[in-house]
Amino acid sequence: MKQLEYLHVTVRKHAENQ
């Protein structure tokens, strides 16, 4: 059950990168 966490991490990384 790490799909939600993975999505959050990806979104957060992308948001921080932009």
C-alpha atoms as a PDB file:
ATOM      1  CA  MET A   1       0.000   0.000   0.000  1.00  0.00           C
ATOM      2  CA  LYS A   2       2.540   2.550  -1.109  1.00  0.00           C
ATOM      3  CA  GLN A   3       0.790   3.830  -4.190  1.00  0.00           C
ATOM      4  CA  LEU A   4      -0.643   6.896  -2.479  1.00  0.00           C
ATOM      5  CA  GLU A   5       2.629   7.671  -0.766  1.00  0.00           C
ATOM      6  CA  TYR A   6       4.509   7.226  -4.032  1.00  0.00           C
ATOM      7  CA  LEU A   7       2.141   9.548  -5.821  1.00  0.00           C
ATOM      8  CA  HIS A   8       2.452  12.155  -3.113  1.00  0.00           C
ATOM      9  CA  VAL A   9       6.230  11.954  -3.221  1.00  0.00           C
ATOM     10  CA  THR A  10       6.283  12.295  -6.998  1.00  0.00           C
ATOM     11  CA  VAL A  11       3.892  15.237  -7.004  1.00  0.00           C
ATOM     12  CA  ARG A  12       5.793  16.922  -4.202  1.00  0.00           C
ATOM     13  CA  LYS A  13       9.143  16.390  -5.945  1.00  0.00           C
ATOM     14  CA  HIS A  14       7.765  17.783  -9.194  1.00  0.00           C
ATOM     15  CA  ALA A  15       6.183  20.747  -7.444  1.00  0.00           C
ATOM     16  CA  GLU A  16       9.430  21.521  -5.636  1.00  0.00           C
ATOM     17  CA  ASN A  17      11.394  21.177  -8.851  1.00  0.00           C
ATOM     18  CA  GLN A  18       9.169  23.650 -10.675  1.00  0.00           C
END
